[in-house]
Amino acid sequence: MQKIVVTTGKRFCDIDGLACVVAYSEIPEVPTIPVVASTLNHSITKEIREWPLNFLKHYENGSDANYVIVDVSEPGQFPPFIKNGQIIEIYDHHLGFEDYWKEKLAEKSKIEEIGACATLVWEEFKLRKRETKISNLSANLLYTAILSNTLNFQSFWTTERDKKAFEELKAYTRLPQNWTSIYYLDQEREVYQKPEVVLKNDTKIQNIKGMWCAFGQIELWNSRDFIKQFSGLIEAVLREYGSEAWILSSPCISEGRNYIYTKNKTLKDFISRVMQVSFEGNIGVTRKIWTRKEILQKIQ
């Protein structure tokens, strides 16, 4: 019997990727191996890392394995052990490669504009009538991933499907009532303990209007104080990528808006014009919360 391996991107893994890998492994009725071969980033807090997570950190490719990819669909971001011809399903909420995979996988490619990939995985549980089989661990992870990736439901990408999945998953979770504040404050403590590592684990190189840019993102309860305290470190870390420009976007959950830090005039002009952001010096403040993918889509 052919095994199924479920995995995510090769560079770093956030709570959405981790949740989808672990939870999806409970859906098929054939042996399914969860693999996370990338670095866990700050969205996976210390408490969550102490949960009984069960996944492999390495995998040796075998001819008897088929692959399911979650929370990523750009082939260049897949772990090196994956072979395209052995991919049988993809679940993602980042756009750009949906036509490519639709041609290859037809209905097995589920790449949609939605707040969290975790929502797609929960919907798959229900589609296959496996929702009552979900473990408390997987429910906890999917629930938290939706909370995180929708920025506490303040993100523009949040859909009614995300909200519905969140409410449905609640029945299968074992989390304290104040989990939202616990989660975000735990995340913030970790950021302050090792800001350099956290920033490196959530920075992507993006092409913005023909200009290569190091684009960091850190969600915090209080973004303004963090940027003021660590502005020098932020600049030093993002300059290490050797890109033409750098930018940090930090969604501030408590205020429902972003603090954006960059010294690049071109980026400031783009963001000011298309997002109606006023900069004071090198720091701009948005009127609402934006995820990185929303900002990229808007300024592109």
C-alpha atoms as a PDB file:
ATOM      1  CA  MET A   1       0.000   0.000   0.000  1.00  0.00           C
ATOM      2  CA  GLN A   2       1.358   3.407  -0.996  1.00  0.00           C
ATOM      3  CA  LYS A   3       2.099   5.805   1.854  1.00  0.00           C
ATOM      4  CA  ILE A   4       1.017   9.444   1.847  1.00  0.00           C
ATOM      5  CA  VAL A   5       3.457  12.108   3.034  1.00  0.00           C
ATOM      6  CA  VAL A   6       1.976  15.487   3.979  1.00  0.00           C
ATOM      7  CA  THR A   7       4.380  18.418   4.244  1.00  0.00           C
ATOM      8  CA  THR A   8       4.793  22.181   3.799  1.00  0.00           C
ATOM      9  CA  GLY A   9       7.400  24.706   2.608  1.00  0.00           C
ATOM     10  CA  LYS A  10      11.159  24.320   3.001  1.00  0.00           C
ATOM     11  CA  ARG A  11      12.146  27.716   4.412  1.00  0.00           C
ATOM     12  CA  PHE A  12      10.109  28.222   7.578  1.00  0.00           C
ATOM     13  CA  CYS A  13       6.899  26.852   9.002  1.00  0.00           C
ATOM     14  CA  ASP A  14       4.270  28.980  10.733  1.00  0.00           C
ATOM     15  CA  ILE A  15       1.320  27.831  12.829  1.00  0.00           C
ATOM     16  CA  ASP A  16      -0.858  27.463   9.717  1.00  0.00           C
ATOM     17  CA  GLY A  17       1.606  25.151   7.989  1.00  0.00           C
ATOM     18  CA  LEU A  18       2.188  23.088  11.128  1.00  0.00           C
ATOM     19  CA  ALA A  19      -1.525  22.779  11.880  1.00  0.00           C
ATOM     20  CA  CYS A  20      -2.338  21.674   8.341  1.00  0.00           C
ATOM     21  CA  VAL A  21       0.439  19.069   8.255  1.00  0.00           C
ATOM     22  CA  VAL A  22      -0.476  17.519  11.609  1.00  0.00           C
ATOM     23  CA  ALA A  23      -4.238  17.675  11.105  1.00  0.00           C
ATOM     24  CA  TYR A  24      -4.281  16.456   7.508  1.00  0.00           C
ATOM     25  CA  SER A  25      -2.365  13.329   8.544  1.00  0.00           C
ATOM     26  CA  GLU A  26      -5.540  12.239  10.395  1.00  0.00           C
ATOM     27  CA  ILE A  27      -7.808  12.463   7.331  1.00  0.00           C
ATOM     28  CA  PRO A  28      -6.818   9.630   4.948  1.00  0.00           C
ATOM     29  CA  GLU A  29      -7.581   6.052   5.842  1.00  0.00           C
ATOM     30  CA  VAL A  30      -4.148   4.935   4.614  1.00  0.00           C
ATOM     31  CA  PRO A  31      -0.803   5.446   6.412  1.00  0.00           C
ATOM     32  CA  THR A  32      -0.031   9.180   6.310  1.00  0.00           C
ATOM     33  CA  ILE A  33       3.287  10.627   7.490  1.00  0.00           C
ATOM     34  CA  PRO A  34       3.454  14.283   8.642  1.00  0.00           C
ATOM     35  CA  VAL A  35       6.794  15.929   7.790  1.00  0.00           C
ATOM     36  CA  VAL A  36       7.949  19.451   8.713  1.00  0.00           C
ATOM     37  CA  ALA A  37      11.475  19.859   7.346  1.00  0.00           C
ATOM     38  CA  SER A  38      11.695  23.634   7.935  1.00  0.00           C
ATOM     39  CA  THR A  39      12.278  25.891  10.929  1.00  0.00           C
ATOM     40  CA  LEU A  40       9.297  26.558  13.185  1.00  0.00           C
ATOM     41  CA  ASN A  41       8.761  30.301  13.449  1.00  0.00           C
ATOM     42  CA  HIS A  42       7.523  32.491  16.311  1.00  0.00           C
ATOM     43  CA  SER A  43       3.846  31.949  15.531  1.00  0.00           C
ATOM     44  CA  ILE A  44       4.357  28.487  17.055  1.00  0.00           C
ATOM     45  CA  THR A  45       4.748  29.572  20.674  1.00  0.00           C
ATOM     46  CA  LYS A  46       6.640  27.841  23.459  1.00  0.00           C
ATOM     47  CA  GLU A  47       3.420  26.403  24.873  1.00  0.00           C
ATOM     48  CA  ILE A  48       2.378  24.966  21.508  1.00  0.00           C
ATOM     49  CA  ARG A  49       5.825  23.418  21.023  1.00  0.00           C
ATOM     50  CA  GLU A  50       5.261  21.563  24.296  1.00  0.00           C
ATOM     51  CA  TRP A  51       2.071  19.966  22.991  1.00  0.00           C
ATOM     52  CA  PRO A  52       2.516  16.300  21.923  1.00  0.00           C
ATOM     53  CA  LEU A  53       3.377  17.196  18.319  1.00  0.00           C
ATOM     54  CA  ASN A  54       4.185  14.161  16.220  1.00  0.00           C
ATOM     55  CA  PHE A  55       5.946  14.812  12.923  1.00  0.00           C
ATOM     56  CA  LEU A  56       9.197  13.914  11.184  1.00  0.00           C
ATOM     57  CA  LYS A  57      11.864  16.560  10.598  1.00  0.00           C
ATOM     58  CA  HIS A  58      13.484  14.656   7.731  1.00  0.00           C
ATOM     59  CA  TYR A  59      12.222  12.305   5.062  1.00  0.00           C
ATOM     60  CA  GLU A  60      14.030  10.139   2.561  1.00  0.00           C
ATOM     61  CA  ASN A  61      12.177   9.953  -0.738  1.00  0.00           C
ATOM     62  CA  GLY A  62      10.761   6.584  -1.646  1.00  0.00           C
ATOM     63  CA  SER A  63       8.941   5.365  -4.725  1.00  0.00           C
ATOM     64  CA  ASP A  64       6.095   4.136  -2.529  1.00  0.00           C
ATOM     65  CA  ALA A  65       5.099   7.649  -1.350  1.00  0.00           C
ATOM     66  CA  ASN A  66       2.579  10.157  -2.674  1.00  0.00           C
ATOM     67  CA  TYR A  67       2.740  13.769  -1.486  1.00  0.00           C
ATOM     68  CA  VAL A  68       0.178  16.225  -0.184  1.00  0.00           C
ATOM     69  CA  ILE A  69       1.420  19.838   0.052  1.00  0.00           C
ATOM     70  CA  VAL A  70      -0.172  22.343   2.439  1.00  0.00           C
ATOM     71  CA  ASP A  71       0.152  26.116   2.903  1.00  0.00           C
ATOM     72  CA  VAL A  72       2.468  26.538  -0.087  1.00  0.00           C
ATOM     73  CA  SER A  73       2.063  26.044  -3.834  1.00  0.00           C
ATOM     74  CA  GLU A  74       5.177  27.622  -5.367  1.00  0.00           C
ATOM     75  CA  PRO A  75       7.296  24.652  -6.531  1.00  0.00           C
ATOM     76  CA  GLY A  76      10.549  26.440  -5.702  1.00  0.00           C
ATOM     77  CA  GLN A  77       9.506  26.483  -2.027  1.00  0.00           C
ATOM     78  CA  PHE A  78       8.936  22.721  -1.755  1.00  0.00           C
ATOM     79  CA  PRO A  79      11.350  20.562   0.288  1.00  0.00           C
ATOM     80  CA  PRO A  80      13.967  18.871  -1.942  1.00  0.00           C
ATOM     81  CA  PHE A  81      12.678  15.338  -1.324  1.00  0.00           C
ATOM     82  CA  ILE A  82       9.425  16.061  -3.193  1.00  0.00           C
ATOM     83  CA  LYS A  83       9.005  14.908  -6.775  1.00  0.00           C
ATOM     84  CA  ASN A  84       6.343  16.721  -8.824  1.00  0.00           C
ATOM     85  CA  GLY A  85       5.083  13.535 -10.410  1.00  0.00           C
ATOM     86  CA  GLN A  86       4.219  12.133  -6.983  1.00  0.00           C
ATOM     87  CA  ILE A  87       2.156  15.112  -5.742  1.00  0.00           C
ATOM     88  CA  ILE A  88      -1.497  14.119  -5.431  1.00  0.00           C
ATOM     89  CA  GLU A  89      -3.074  17.107  -3.608  1.00  0.00           C
ATOM     90  CA  ILE A  90      -2.310  20.745  -2.766  1.00  0.00           C
ATOM     91  CA  TYR A  91      -4.033  23.003  -0.239  1.00  0.00           C
ATOM     92  CA  ASP A  92      -3.001  26.666  -0.139  1.00  0.00           C
ATOM     93  CA  HIS A  93      -4.304  30.209   0.346  1.00  0.00           C
ATOM     94  CA  HIS A  94      -1.415  31.987  -1.397  1.00  0.00           C
ATOM     95  CA  LEU A  95      -2.272  32.848  -4.991  1.00  0.00           C
ATOM     96  CA  GLY A  96      -0.031  32.796  -8.045  1.00  0.00           C
ATOM     97  CA  PHE A  97       0.218  29.122  -8.988  1.00  0.00           C
ATOM     98  CA  GLU A  98      -3.443  28.109  -8.960  1.00  0.00           C
ATOM     99  CA  ASP A  99      -3.683  27.726 -12.763  1.00  0.00           C
ATOM    100  CA  TYR A 100      -0.491  25.670 -12.896  1.00  0.00           C
ATOM    101  CA  TRP A 101      -1.747  23.188 -10.302  1.00  0.00           C
ATOM    102  CA  LYS A 102      -5.324  23.141 -11.553  1.00  0.00           C
ATOM    103  CA  GLU A 103      -4.007  21.889 -14.898  1.00  0.00           C
ATOM    104  CA  LYS A 104      -1.955  19.167 -13.203  1.00  0.00           C
ATOM    105  CA  LEU A 105      -4.269  18.089 -10.390  1.00  0.00           C
ATOM    106  CA  ALA A 106      -7.739  19.302 -11.403  1.00  0.00           C
ATOM    107  CA  GLU A 107     -10.084  19.177  -8.367  1.00  0.00           C
ATOM    108  CA  LYS A 108      -7.237  17.930  -6.157  1.00  0.00           C
ATOM    109  CA  SER A 109      -5.715  21.422  -6.283  1.00  0.00           C
ATOM    110  CA  LYS A 110      -7.433  23.547  -3.644  1.00  0.00           C
ATOM    111  CA  ILE A 111      -5.811  26.992  -3.802  1.00  0.00           C
ATOM    112  CA  GLU A 112      -8.265  29.661  -2.729  1.00  0.00           C
ATOM    113  CA  GLU A 113      -8.521  33.233  -1.465  1.00  0.00           C
ATOM    114  CA  ILE A 114      -9.203  32.520   2.180  1.00  0.00           C
ATOM    115  CA  GLY A 115      -7.839  33.622   5.536  1.00  0.00           C
ATOM    116  CA  ALA A 116      -6.146  30.392   6.599  1.00  0.00           C
ATOM    117  CA  CYS A 117      -5.125  27.171   4.919  1.00  0.00           C
ATOM    118  CA  ALA A 118      -6.339  25.532   8.136  1.00  0.00           C
ATOM    119  CA  THR A 119      -9.899  26.341   7.036  1.00  0.00           C
ATOM    120  CA  LEU A 120      -9.402  24.306   3.850  1.00  0.00           C
ATOM    121  CA  VAL A 121      -8.102  21.334   5.828  1.00  0.00           C
ATOM    122  CA  TRP A 122     -11.050  21.455   8.245  1.00  0.00           C
ATOM    123  CA  GLU A 123     -13.434  21.595   5.294  1.00  0.00           C
ATOM    124  CA  GLU A 124     -11.707  18.481   3.935  1.00  0.00           C
ATOM    125  CA  PHE A 125     -12.354  16.702   7.245  1.00  0.00           C
ATOM    126  CA  LYS A 126     -16.038  17.470   6.803  1.00  0.00           C
ATOM    127  CA  LEU A 127     -16.106  16.603   3.088  1.00  0.00           C
ATOM    128  CA  ARG A 128     -14.758  13.135   3.870  1.00  0.00           C
ATOM    129  CA  LYS A 129     -17.030  12.855   6.922  1.00  0.00           C
ATOM    130  CA  ARG A 130     -14.040  12.559   9.254  1.00  0.00           C
ATOM    131  CA  GLU A 131     -14.699  15.567  11.505  1.00  0.00           C
ATOM    132  CA  THR A 132     -15.673  13.453  14.513  1.00  0.00           C
ATOM    133  CA  LYS A 133     -12.332  11.625  14.201  1.00  0.00           C
ATOM    134  CA  ILE A 134     -10.225  14.759  14.677  1.00  0.00           C
ATOM    135  CA  SER A 135      -7.992  14.721  17.748  1.00  0.00           C
ATOM    136  CA  ASN A 136      -8.015  17.515  20.332  1.00  0.00           C
ATOM    137  CA  LEU A 137      -4.425  18.263  19.296  1.00  0.00           C
ATOM    138  CA  SER A 138      -5.295  18.800  15.640  1.00  0.00           C
ATOM    139  CA  ALA A 139      -8.411  20.796  16.536  1.00  0.00           C
ATOM    140  CA  ASN A 140      -6.335  23.014  18.847  1.00  0.00           C
ATOM    141  CA  LEU A 141      -3.779  23.588  16.085  1.00  0.00           C
ATOM    142  CA  LEU A 142      -6.304  24.361  13.319  1.00  0.00           C
ATOM    143  CA  TYR A 143      -8.278  26.648  15.649  1.00  0.00           C
ATOM    144  CA  THR A 144      -5.120  28.578  16.570  1.00  0.00           C
ATOM    145  CA  ALA A 145      -3.953  28.730  12.958  1.00  0.00           C
ATOM    146  CA  ILE A 146      -7.214  30.376  11.877  1.00  0.00           C
ATOM    147  CA  LEU A 147      -6.938  32.837  14.769  1.00  0.00           C
ATOM    148  CA  SER A 148      -3.351  33.654  13.801  1.00  0.00           C
ATOM    149  CA  ASN A 149      -3.634  33.841  10.017  1.00  0.00           C
ATOM    150  CA  THR A 150      -6.740  36.008  10.084  1.00  0.00           C
ATOM    151  CA  LEU A 151      -5.000  38.281  12.633  1.00  0.00           C
ATOM    152  CA  ASN A 152      -7.815  37.699  15.109  1.00  0.00           C
ATOM    153  CA  PHE A 153     -10.353  38.056  12.260  1.00  0.00           C
ATOM    154  CA  GLN A 154      -9.203  41.589  11.422  1.00  0.00           C
ATOM    155  CA  SER A 155      -7.451  40.664   8.165  1.00  0.00           C
ATOM    156  CA  PHE A 156      -9.031  41.671   4.851  1.00  0.00           C
ATOM    157  CA  TRP A 157      -8.656  38.054   3.695  1.00  0.00           C
ATOM    158  CA  THR A 158     -10.868  36.726   6.506  1.00  0.00           C
ATOM    159  CA  THR A 159     -13.941  35.012   5.059  1.00  0.00           C
ATOM    160  CA  GLU A 160     -17.196  33.690   6.476  1.00  0.00           C
ATOM    161  CA  ARG A 161     -15.746  30.229   5.862  1.00  0.00           C
ATOM    162  CA  ASP A 162     -12.868  31.002   8.255  1.00  0.00           C
ATOM    163  CA  LYS A 163     -15.314  32.190  10.904  1.00  0.00           C
ATOM    164  CA  LYS A 164     -17.515  29.138  10.438  1.00  0.00           C
ATOM    165  CA  ALA A 165     -14.553  26.733  10.651  1.00  0.00           C
ATOM    166  CA  PHE A 166     -13.324  28.474  13.799  1.00  0.00           C
ATOM    167  CA  GLU A 167     -16.696  28.088  15.496  1.00  0.00           C
ATOM    168  CA  GLU A 168     -17.087  24.469  14.407  1.00  0.00           C
ATOM    169  CA  LEU A 169     -13.605  23.518  15.605  1.00  0.00           C
ATOM    170  CA  LYS A 170     -14.297  24.971  19.050  1.00  0.00           C
ATOM    171  CA  ALA A 171     -16.371  21.884  19.889  1.00  0.00           C
ATOM    172  CA  TYR A 172     -13.293  19.657  19.432  1.00  0.00           C
ATOM    173  CA  THR A 173     -10.678  21.830  21.183  1.00  0.00           C
ATOM    174  CA  ARG A 174      -9.346  21.822  24.702  1.00  0.00           C
ATOM    175  CA  LEU A 175      -8.175  25.374  25.215  1.00  0.00           C
ATOM    176  CA  PRO A 176      -8.782  28.006  27.921  1.00  0.00           C
ATOM    177  CA  GLN A 177     -11.471  30.623  27.280  1.00  0.00           C
ATOM    178  CA  ASN A 178      -8.889  33.419  27.122  1.00  0.00           C
ATOM    179  CA  TRP A 179      -6.739  31.538  24.589  1.00  0.00           C
ATOM    180  CA  THR A 180      -6.578  34.517  22.192  1.00  0.00           C
ATOM    181  CA  SER A 181      -4.787  36.795  24.669  1.00  0.00           C
ATOM    182  CA  ILE A 182      -2.660  33.917  25.996  1.00  0.00           C
ATOM    183  CA  TYR A 183      -1.546  33.032  22.477  1.00  0.00           C
ATOM    184  CA  TYR A 184      -0.656  36.552  21.324  1.00  0.00           C
ATOM    185  CA  LEU A 185       1.084  37.546  24.573  1.00  0.00           C
ATOM    186  CA  ASP A 186       3.111  34.290  24.543  1.00  0.00           C
ATOM    187  CA  GLN A 187       4.106  35.066  20.976  1.00  0.00           C
ATOM    188  CA  GLU A 188       5.164  38.586  21.937  1.00  0.00           C
ATOM    189  CA  ARG A 189       7.317  37.350  24.834  1.00  0.00           C
ATOM    190  CA  GLU A 190       9.174  35.053  22.467  1.00  0.00           C
ATOM    191  CA  VAL A 191       9.732  37.885  20.001  1.00  0.00           C
ATOM    192  CA  TYR A 192      11.290  40.077  22.685  1.00  0.00           C
ATOM    193  CA  GLN A 193      13.539  37.239  23.873  1.00  0.00           C
ATOM    194  CA  LYS A 194      15.080  36.621  20.435  1.00  0.00           C
ATOM    195  CA  PRO A 195      14.008  39.330  17.977  1.00  0.00           C
ATOM    196  CA  GLU A 196      16.772  38.615  15.468  1.00  0.00           C
ATOM    197  CA  VAL A 197      15.880  34.930  15.142  1.00  0.00           C
ATOM    198  CA  VAL A 198      12.155  35.675  14.948  1.00  0.00           C
ATOM    199  CA  LEU A 199      12.633  38.248  12.193  1.00  0.00           C
ATOM    200  CA  LYS A 200      14.870  35.952  10.130  1.00  0.00           C
ATOM    201  CA  ASN A 201      12.269  33.189  10.432  1.00  0.00           C
ATOM    202  CA  ASP A 202       9.535  35.346   8.930  1.00  0.00           C
ATOM    203  CA  THR A 203      11.257  37.308   6.170  1.00  0.00           C
ATOM    204  CA  LYS A 204      10.672  36.683   2.477  1.00  0.00           C
ATOM    205  CA  ILE A 205      12.466  38.078  -0.571  1.00  0.00           C
ATOM    206  CA  GLN A 206       9.832  39.624  -2.819  1.00  0.00           C
ATOM    207  CA  ASN A 207       9.933  41.385  -6.167  1.00  0.00           C
ATOM    208  CA  ILE A 208       8.026  44.653  -5.781  1.00  0.00           C
ATOM    209  CA  LYS A 209       7.651  46.685  -8.960  1.00  0.00           C
ATOM    210  CA  GLY A 210      10.871  45.171 -10.328  1.00  0.00           C
ATOM    211  CA  MET A 211      12.791  45.823  -7.104  1.00  0.00           C
ATOM    212  CA  TRP A 212      13.991  42.947  -4.910  1.00  0.00           C
ATOM    213  CA  CYS A 213      12.953  43.553  -1.335  1.00  0.00           C
ATOM    214  CA  ALA A 214      13.519  41.802   2.022  1.00  0.00           C
ATOM    215  CA  PHE A 215      10.022  41.839   3.513  1.00  0.00           C
ATOM    216  CA  GLY A 216       9.741  40.941   7.187  1.00  0.00           C
ATOM    217  CA  GLN A 217       6.525  40.433   9.122  1.00  0.00           C
ATOM    218  CA  ILE A 218       5.961  40.103  12.879  1.00  0.00           C
ATOM    219  CA  GLU A 219       2.492  40.043  14.424  1.00  0.00           C
ATOM    220  CA  LEU A 220       2.467  41.569  17.907  1.00  0.00           C
ATOM    221  CA  TRP A 221       0.071  42.724  20.574  1.00  0.00           C
ATOM    222  CA  ASN A 222       1.963  46.057  20.679  1.00  0.00           C
ATOM    223  CA  SER A 223       3.958  46.736  17.500  1.00  0.00           C
ATOM    224  CA  ARG A 224       4.838  50.381  18.047  1.00  0.00           C
ATOM    225  CA  ASP A 225       7.015  49.823  21.128  1.00  0.00           C
ATOM    226  CA  PHE A 226       8.812  46.901  19.489  1.00  0.00           C
ATOM    227  CA  ILE A 227       9.835  48.908  16.416  1.00  0.00           C
ATOM    228  CA  LYS A 228      11.004  51.829  18.535  1.00  0.00           C
ATOM    229  CA  GLN A 229      13.113  49.556  20.732  1.00  0.00           C
ATOM    230  CA  PHE A 230      14.614  47.409  17.977  1.00  0.00           C
ATOM    231  CA  SER A 231      14.730  49.687  14.919  1.00  0.00           C
ATOM    232  CA  GLY A 232      18.513  49.338  14.558  1.00  0.00           C
ATOM    233  CA  LEU A 233      18.385  45.558  14.826  1.00  0.00           C
ATOM    234  CA  ILE A 234      15.507  45.337  12.337  1.00  0.00           C
ATOM    235  CA  GLU A 235      17.452  47.331   9.764  1.00  0.00           C
ATOM    236  CA  ALA A 236      20.634  45.283  10.316  1.00  0.00           C
ATOM    237  CA  VAL A 237      18.841  41.948   9.944  1.00  0.00           C
ATOM    238  CA  LEU A 238      16.916  42.901   6.804  1.00  0.00           C
ATOM    239  CA  ARG A 239      19.989  44.436   5.151  1.00  0.00           C
ATOM    240  CA  GLU A 240      21.759  41.078   5.510  1.00  0.00           C
ATOM    241  CA  TYR A 241      19.613  39.699   2.697  1.00  0.00           C
ATOM    242  CA  GLY A 242      21.448  41.963   0.235  1.00  0.00           C
ATOM    243  CA  SER A 243      18.251  43.127  -1.452  1.00  0.00           C
ATOM    244  CA  GLU A 244      17.771  46.547  -2.994  1.00  0.00           C
ATOM    245  CA  ALA A 245      15.310  47.500  -0.269  1.00  0.00           C
ATOM    246  CA  TRP A 246      13.870  46.254   3.013  1.00  0.00           C
ATOM    247  CA  ILE A 247      10.627  46.650   4.914  1.00  0.00           C
ATOM    248  CA  LEU A 248       9.020  45.379   8.114  1.00  0.00           C
ATOM    249  CA  SER A 249       5.260  45.180   8.491  1.00  0.00           C
ATOM    250  CA  SER A 250       4.037  44.520  12.021  1.00  0.00           C
ATOM    251  CA  PRO A 251       0.298  43.960  12.525  1.00  0.00           C
ATOM    252  CA  CYS A 252      -0.632  45.380  15.943  1.00  0.00           C
ATOM    253  CA  ILE A 253      -3.430  43.139  17.234  1.00  0.00           C
ATOM    254  CA  SER A 254      -4.401  45.364  20.171  1.00  0.00           C
ATOM    255  CA  GLU A 255      -4.852  48.436  17.931  1.00  0.00           C
ATOM    256  CA  GLY A 256      -6.180  46.782  14.768  1.00  0.00           C
ATOM    257  CA  ARG A 257      -3.609  48.385  12.464  1.00  0.00           C
ATOM    258  CA  ASN A 258      -0.058  47.905  11.137  1.00  0.00           C
ATOM    259  CA  TYR A 259       3.177  49.713  11.872  1.00  0.00           C
ATOM    260  CA  ILE A 260       5.368  49.747   8.767  1.00  0.00           C
ATOM    261  CA  TYR A 261       9.088  50.469   8.990  1.00  0.00           C
ATOM    262  CA  THR A 262      11.305  51.185   5.983  1.00  0.00           C
ATOM    263  CA  LYS A 263      13.880  53.732   4.905  1.00  0.00           C
ATOM    264  CA  ASN A 264      13.320  53.183   1.187  1.00  0.00           C
ATOM    265  CA  LYS A 265      11.667  56.187  -0.451  1.00  0.00           C
ATOM    266  CA  THR A 266      10.228  54.159  -3.333  1.00  0.00           C
ATOM    267  CA  LEU A 267       8.504  51.755  -0.949  1.00  0.00           C
ATOM    268  CA  LYS A 268       7.209  54.645   1.152  1.00  0.00           C
ATOM    269  CA  ASP A 269       5.767  56.280  -1.966  1.00  0.00           C
ATOM    270  CA  PHE A 270       4.098  53.043  -3.133  1.00  0.00           C
ATOM    271  CA  ILE A 271       2.584  52.337   0.273  1.00  0.00           C
ATOM    272  CA  SER A 272       1.519  55.925   0.920  1.00  0.00           C
ATOM    273  CA  ARG A 273      -0.235  56.123  -2.427  1.00  0.00           C
ATOM    274  CA  VAL A 274      -2.057  52.797  -2.603  1.00  0.00           C
ATOM    275  CA  MET A 275      -2.742  52.192   1.097  1.00  0.00           C
ATOM    276  CA  GLN A 276      -3.343  55.773   2.274  1.00  0.00           C
ATOM    277  CA  VAL A 277      -0.569  55.511   4.866  1.00  0.00           C
ATOM    278  CA  SER A 278       1.081  58.578   6.361  1.00  0.00           C
ATOM    279  CA  PHE A 279       4.743  58.213   7.284  1.00  0.00           C
ATOM    280  CA  GLU A 280       6.403  60.123  10.096  1.00  0.00           C
ATOM    281  CA  GLY A 281      10.054  59.653   9.351  1.00  0.00           C
ATOM    282  CA  ASN A 282      10.523  55.975   8.577  1.00  0.00           C
ATOM    283  CA  ILE A 283       7.412  54.623  10.315  1.00  0.00           C
ATOM    284  CA  GLY A 284       3.973  54.501   8.741  1.00  0.00           C
ATOM    285  CA  VAL A 285       0.676  53.530  10.356  1.00  0.00           C
ATOM    286  CA  THR A 286      -2.194  51.929   8.455  1.00  0.00           C
ATOM    287  CA  ARG A 287      -5.901  52.448   9.134  1.00  0.00           C
ATOM    288  CA  LYS A 288      -6.582  48.729   9.476  1.00  0.00           C
ATOM    289  CA  ILE A 289      -4.706  45.454   9.787  1.00  0.00           C
ATOM    290  CA  TRP A 290      -2.969  44.055   6.733  1.00  0.00           C
ATOM    291  CA  THR A 291      -1.190  40.730   6.196  1.00  0.00           C
ATOM    292  CA  ARG A 292       1.976  40.661   4.117  1.00  0.00           C
ATOM    293  CA  LYS A 293       0.228  38.976   1.190  1.00  0.00           C
ATOM    294  CA  GLU A 294      -2.480  41.670   1.241  1.00  0.00           C
ATOM    295  CA  ILE A 295       0.130  44.435   1.154  1.00  0.00           C
ATOM    296  CA  LEU A 296       1.999  42.762  -1.701  1.00  0.00           C
ATOM    297  CA  GLN A 297      -1.149  42.313  -3.735  1.00  0.00           C
ATOM    298  CA  LYS A 298      -2.185  45.909  -3.132  1.00  0.00           C
ATOM    299  CA  ILE A 299       1.114  47.555  -4.082  1.00  0.00           C
ATOM    300  CA  GLN A 300       1.728  45.227  -7.005  1.00  0.00           C
END
